[in-house]
Amino acid sequence: MRRRSIATVLVGPSALLREGLSRILGPTGFRIVASVSHIHEVVWASLSSHQSILLIIDTGDDPDDDTAQIRLFKEQKPSGRVAVLTDRYRRSNMVSAFQAGANVYHAKFANCDAFTKALELVMLGETILPPELLSFVGDRKDDQESPPTQPERVAAGDALPPTRSDDMPPLSIREKCILRCIVDGDSNKLIARKIGIAEATVKVHVKAILRKIRIHNRTQAAIWAMNNRTFISPTNDGALPTAAMQVPPLLAPEKHTPAPQLPALIGQALALK
């Protein structure tokens, strides 16, 4: 059976990487209909006939610009799918990309077969989280009230908008503290040690937080907190009752995954030349 061709737009500052992607994806059913250095160079009229379209964007040095390019693509092609390529994982950049409409955040140094399989899943309607974001989930036992999902996928609705200031949930100081810990990727056991309470008590607080902010799991809770960071900031709580509750501030400096010496993706592409 002939594989359905998927119209694909390549965007990124590296012409070499885009050429490599063209050579890799061509035989797999992804037809390159545009290859440009920036989304503003895309001629949208030439893409009007494509019902299903995929954007593959190579991240540059400006994460805000990367996010803006994803948003522009989604404005022009609301049903389009988005794959982000990166040479390093930074949590805040990943969350911003998914909020803008990304469906997968993939490392350049990953296996080519894994990359194409991820793209195929994305075109089937899946949204795939990288392992580095799964630290938000923590102890999955807290999600027993939510429908079971595969650990590497979340619904596109997880990119939650900020809550209006007049509709903020009545979170206690301790609940805000625990929510900041969830953003940091702490497990229930680690939160219990930080605050000095029983792990079972932490689980009760987590369930109360999910109920109050009207979401279903820890991943959504972390994204909600990052969208409403001012509301849960320690400065809004006044003096915290104990030193044990002084958890790291939201969005503390993060460790970066070292960039590879040469992305395997380009190397394999050149081998096909």
Protein backbone atom coordinates (compact mmCIF):
# COMPACT_ATOMS: atom_id res chain seq x y z
CA MET A 1 0.00 0.00 0.00
CA ARG A 2 1.35 3.42 -0.93
CA ARG A 3 2.12 5.63 2.07
CA ARG A 4 0.22 8.91 2.26
CA SER A 5 2.43 11.93 1.53
CA ILE A 6 2.60 14.50 4.34
CA ALA A 7 3.29 18.12 3.35
CA THR A 8 6.18 19.33 5.50
CA VAL A 9 7.66 22.78 6.12
CA LEU A 10 11.25 23.02 7.38
CA VAL A 11 12.29 26.13 9.29
CA GLY A 12 15.69 26.78 10.81
CA PRO A 13 18.87 28.85 10.57
CA SER A 14 21.02 25.94 9.35
CA ALA A 15 20.67 25.22 5.62
CA LEU A 16 22.80 22.10 6.12
CA LEU A 17 20.44 20.68 8.72
CA ARG A 18 17.42 21.43 6.55
CA GLU A 19 19.06 19.71 3.58
CA GLY A 20 19.85 16.71 5.78
CA LEU A 21 16.25 16.53 6.97
CA SER A 22 15.01 16.70 3.38
CA ARG A 23 17.16 13.71 2.42
CA ILE A 24 16.12 11.72 5.50
CA LEU A 25 12.39 12.44 5.42
CA GLY A 26 11.81 12.27 1.67
CA PRO A 27 11.78 8.44 1.43
CA THR A 28 9.60 8.13 4.57
CA GLY A 29 6.54 9.92 3.15
CA PHE A 30 7.19 13.46 4.41
CA ARG A 31 7.18 15.69 1.33
CA ILE A 32 9.09 18.95 1.80
CA VAL A 33 6.98 21.79 0.40
CA ALA A 34 9.03 24.65 1.88
CA SER A 35 12.49 25.02 3.44
CA VAL A 36 13.30 28.47 4.87
CA SER A 37 15.44 30.05 7.55
CA HIS A 38 12.50 31.84 9.22
CA ILE A 39 8.74 31.35 9.24
CA HIS A 40 8.23 34.84 7.78
CA GLU A 41 9.74 33.57 4.51
CA VAL A 42 6.96 31.02 4.00
CA VAL A 43 4.59 31.82 1.12
CA TRP A 44 1.32 30.82 2.74
CA ALA A 45 -0.67 31.02 -0.50
CA SER A 46 1.38 28.16 -1.92
CA LEU A 47 0.33 25.96 1.03
CA SER A 48 -3.40 26.69 0.84
CA SER A 49 -4.18 23.39 -0.90
CA HIS A 50 -2.66 21.24 1.85
CA GLN A 51 -5.21 20.05 4.41
CA SER A 52 -2.64 18.25 6.56
CA ILE A 53 0.69 19.95 7.11
CA LEU A 54 3.67 19.53 9.45
CA LEU A 55 6.09 22.21 10.63
CA ILE A 56 9.56 21.10 11.73
CA ILE A 57 11.37 24.00 13.39
CA ASP A 58 15.02 24.00 14.41
CA THR A 59 15.49 26.10 17.55
CA GLY A 60 17.90 29.03 17.37
CA ASP A 61 19.51 31.28 19.96
CA ASP A 62 16.29 33.17 20.75
CA PRO A 63 13.65 30.92 22.40
CA ASP A 64 11.10 33.75 22.36
CA ASP A 65 11.45 34.03 18.59
CA ASP A 66 11.08 30.25 18.25
CA THR A 67 7.83 30.43 20.21
CA ALA A 68 6.62 33.37 18.11
CA GLN A 69 7.28 31.39 14.91
CA ILE A 70 5.24 28.45 16.22
CA ARG A 71 2.37 30.78 17.10
CA LEU A 72 2.45 32.36 13.63
CA PHE A 73 2.32 28.94 11.99
CA LYS A 74 -0.66 27.93 14.15
CA GLU A 75 -2.43 31.16 13.26
CA GLN A 76 -2.02 30.41 9.56
CA LYS A 77 -2.58 26.64 9.89
CA PRO A 78 -4.65 25.98 13.05
CA SER A 79 -4.87 22.25 12.29
CA GLY A 80 -1.17 21.97 11.45
CA ARG A 81 1.19 19.91 13.58
CA VAL A 82 4.51 21.14 15.00
CA ALA A 83 7.77 19.32 15.75
CA VAL A 84 10.59 21.17 17.51
CA LEU A 85 14.23 20.15 17.07
CA THR A 86 16.76 21.18 19.71
CA ASP A 87 20.31 20.49 20.83
CA ARG A 88 19.52 21.09 24.51
CA TYR A 89 16.57 20.70 26.84
CA ARG A 90 15.53 23.66 28.96
CA ARG A 91 12.33 23.23 30.88
CA SER A 92 10.96 26.76 30.48
CA ASN A 93 11.62 26.73 26.72
CA MET A 94 9.86 23.36 26.35
CA VAL A 95 6.80 24.53 28.26
CA SER A 96 6.62 27.72 26.15
CA ALA A 97 6.86 25.68 22.95
CA PHE A 98 4.03 23.34 23.98
CA GLN A 99 1.91 26.30 25.06
CA ALA A 100 2.44 27.85 21.61
CA GLY A 101 1.22 24.69 19.89
CA ALA A 102 4.16 22.27 19.62
CA ASN A 103 3.33 18.56 19.52
CA VAL A 104 6.78 17.06 20.03
CA TYR A 105 10.12 18.40 21.33
CA HIS A 106 12.92 16.23 19.94
CA ALA A 107 16.71 16.14 20.36
CA LYS A 108 18.86 16.55 17.25
CA PHE A 109 21.23 13.83 18.43
CA ALA A 110 18.45 11.21 18.65
CA ASN A 111 18.11 8.21 16.34
CA CYS A 112 16.62 9.01 12.92
CA ASP A 113 14.14 6.14 13.10
CA ALA A 114 12.90 7.37 16.49
CA PHE A 115 12.48 10.86 15.03
CA THR A 116 10.43 9.71 12.04
CA LYS A 117 8.28 7.47 14.25
CA ALA A 118 7.63 10.45 16.54
CA LEU A 119 6.56 12.51 13.50
CA GLU A 120 4.20 9.75 12.39
CA LEU A 121 2.60 9.68 15.84
CA VAL A 122 2.25 13.46 15.79
CA MET A 123 0.48 13.30 12.43
CA LEU A 124 -1.90 10.73 13.93
CA GLY A 125 -2.94 13.34 16.50
CA GLU A 126 -0.59 12.59 19.41
CA THR A 127 1.32 15.11 21.50
CA ILE A 128 4.58 13.68 22.89
CA LEU A 129 6.43 14.98 25.93
CA PRO A 130 10.21 14.53 26.27
CA PRO A 131 11.45 12.62 29.34
CA GLU A 132 12.80 15.85 30.86
CA LEU A 133 9.24 17.17 31.24
CA LEU A 134 7.99 13.94 32.75
CA SER A 135 9.69 14.87 36.03
CA PHE A 136 6.62 17.08 36.51
CA VAL A 137 4.48 14.00 36.83
CA GLY A 138 6.28 12.59 39.89
CA ASP A 139 4.36 9.88 41.68
CA ARG A 140 1.68 8.79 39.19
CA LYS A 141 -0.39 7.31 42.02
CA ASP A 142 -1.70 10.86 42.57
CA ASP A 143 -3.41 10.68 39.19
CA GLN A 144 -5.72 7.75 40.03
CA GLU A 145 -8.76 10.00 39.56
CA SER A 146 -7.66 10.79 35.97
CA PRO A 147 -8.14 8.52 32.95
CA PRO A 148 -5.03 6.36 32.38
CA THR A 149 -2.64 7.67 29.73
CA GLN A 150 0.63 6.50 28.27
CA PRO A 151 3.47 8.19 30.22
CA GLU A 152 5.09 9.88 27.23
CA ARG A 153 1.91 11.52 25.90
CA VAL A 154 -0.46 14.20 27.16
CA ALA A 155 -3.51 15.82 25.65
CA ALA A 156 -3.00 19.06 23.78
CA GLY A 157 -5.28 20.72 26.36
CA ASP A 158 -2.47 20.51 28.92
CA ALA A 159 -1.22 23.87 27.64
CA LEU A 160 -3.48 25.78 30.06
CA PRO A 161 -4.01 29.56 29.83
CA PRO A 162 -3.31 31.82 32.83
CA THR A 163 -6.12 32.09 35.35
CA ARG A 164 -7.74 35.50 35.75
CA SER A 165 -6.70 37.36 38.90
CA ASP A 166 -10.31 37.54 40.09
CA ASP A 167 -10.76 33.78 39.72
CA MET A 168 -7.73 32.49 41.63
CA PRO A 169 -8.34 29.33 43.70
CA PRO A 170 -8.15 29.60 47.51
CA LEU A 171 -4.81 27.84 47.96
CA SER A 172 -3.27 27.79 51.41
CA ILE A 173 0.36 28.78 52.02
CA ARG A 174 1.33 25.12 52.34
CA GLU A 175 -0.50 24.22 49.11
CA LYS A 176 1.34 26.98 47.26
CA CYS A 177 4.60 25.69 48.70
CA ILE A 178 3.82 22.15 47.50
CA LEU A 179 2.81 23.49 44.08
CA ARG A 180 6.21 25.17 43.76
CA CYS A 181 7.83 21.84 44.61
CA ILE A 182 5.78 20.15 41.88
CA VAL A 183 7.09 22.72 39.38
CA ASP A 184 10.62 21.78 40.44
CA GLY A 185 9.80 18.15 39.62
CA ASP A 186 9.95 16.94 43.24
CA SER A 187 8.36 13.61 44.13
CA ASN A 188 5.96 13.32 47.06
CA LYS A 189 8.72 11.77 49.16
CA LEU A 190 11.09 14.69 48.49
CA ILE A 191 8.35 17.25 49.15
CA ALA A 192 7.61 15.54 52.47
CA ARG A 193 11.29 15.82 53.47
CA LYS A 194 11.49 19.48 52.43
CA ILE A 195 8.40 20.53 54.36
CA GLY A 196 8.68 18.11 57.26
CA ILE A 197 5.35 16.33 56.93
CA ALA A 198 4.29 12.76 56.13
CA GLU A 199 4.27 11.60 52.53
CA ALA A 200 0.61 10.60 52.91
CA THR A 201 -0.18 14.19 53.94
CA VAL A 202 1.56 15.48 50.81
CA LYS A 203 -0.68 13.23 48.69
CA VAL A 204 -3.76 14.69 50.36
CA HIS A 205 -2.51 18.23 49.66
CA VAL A 206 -1.74 17.38 46.02
CA LYS A 207 -5.26 16.04 45.46
CA ALA A 208 -6.68 19.20 47.06
CA ILE A 209 -4.54 21.38 44.78
CA LEU A 210 -5.70 19.53 41.67
CA ARG A 211 -9.31 19.92 42.75
CA LYS A 212 -8.98 23.64 43.55
CA ILE A 213 -7.26 24.63 40.30
CA ARG A 214 -9.61 22.34 38.36
CA ILE A 215 -7.08 20.24 36.48
CA HIS A 216 -6.40 16.49 36.33
CA ASN A 217 -2.73 15.69 36.93
CA ARG A 218 0.66 16.96 38.13
CA THR A 219 1.82 17.83 34.62
CA GLN A 220 -1.10 20.20 34.15
CA ALA A 221 -0.58 21.55 37.67
CA ALA A 222 3.05 22.43 36.91
CA ILE A 223 2.11 24.19 33.67
CA TRP A 224 -0.73 26.03 35.45
CA ALA A 225 1.72 27.17 38.13
CA MET A 226 4.21 28.44 35.54
CA ASN A 227 1.41 30.42 33.89
CA ASN A 228 0.41 31.86 37.28
CA ARG A 229 3.85 32.14 38.88
CA THR A 230 3.06 35.50 40.52
CA PHE A 231 0.12 34.01 42.41
CA ILE A 232 2.19 31.21 44.00
CA SER A 233 5.36 33.25 44.51
CA PRO A 234 6.74 33.17 48.07
CA THR A 235 6.54 36.99 48.15
CA ASN A 236 2.74 36.76 48.05
CA ASP A 237 2.58 34.50 51.08
CA GLY A 238 4.12 36.78 53.64
CA ALA A 239 6.45 35.22 56.20
CA LEU A 240 6.42 31.46 55.85
CA PRO A 241 5.77 29.64 59.12
CA THR A 242 8.90 27.47 59.08
CA ALA A 243 12.29 27.49 57.42
CA ALA A 244 11.49 24.04 56.04
CA MET A 245 8.92 25.60 53.73
CA GLN A 246 11.47 27.82 52.00
CA VAL A 247 11.59 25.91 48.72
CA PRO A 248 13.52 27.14 45.68
CA PRO A 249 11.74 29.96 43.77
CA LEU A 250 9.78 29.17 40.63
CA LEU A 251 11.87 28.77 37.51
CA ALA A 252 15.20 28.58 39.28
CA PRO A 253 18.26 28.28 37.00
CA GLU A 254 18.21 24.95 35.24
CA LYS A 255 20.86 22.51 34.18
CA HIS A 256 21.34 22.14 30.46
CA THR A 257 21.93 18.98 28.53
CA PRO A 258 25.33 19.42 26.81
CA ALA A 259 25.12 19.88 23.07
CA PRO A 260 26.59 17.05 20.98
CA GLN A 261 29.75 17.62 18.99
CA LEU A 262 27.90 16.86 15.74
CA PRO A 263 24.20 15.99 15.50
CA ALA A 264 23.75 12.45 14.28
CA LEU A 265 20.88 13.67 12.17
CA ILE A 266 23.19 15.68 9.88
CA GLY A 267 25.80 12.95 9.73
CA GLN A 268 23.30 10.37 8.54
CA ALA A 269 21.87 12.84 6.03
CA LEU A 270 25.27 13.49 4.49
CA ALA A 271 25.88 9.76 4.25
CA LEU A 272 22.92 9.56 1.89
CA LYS A 273 24.42 12.12 -0.46
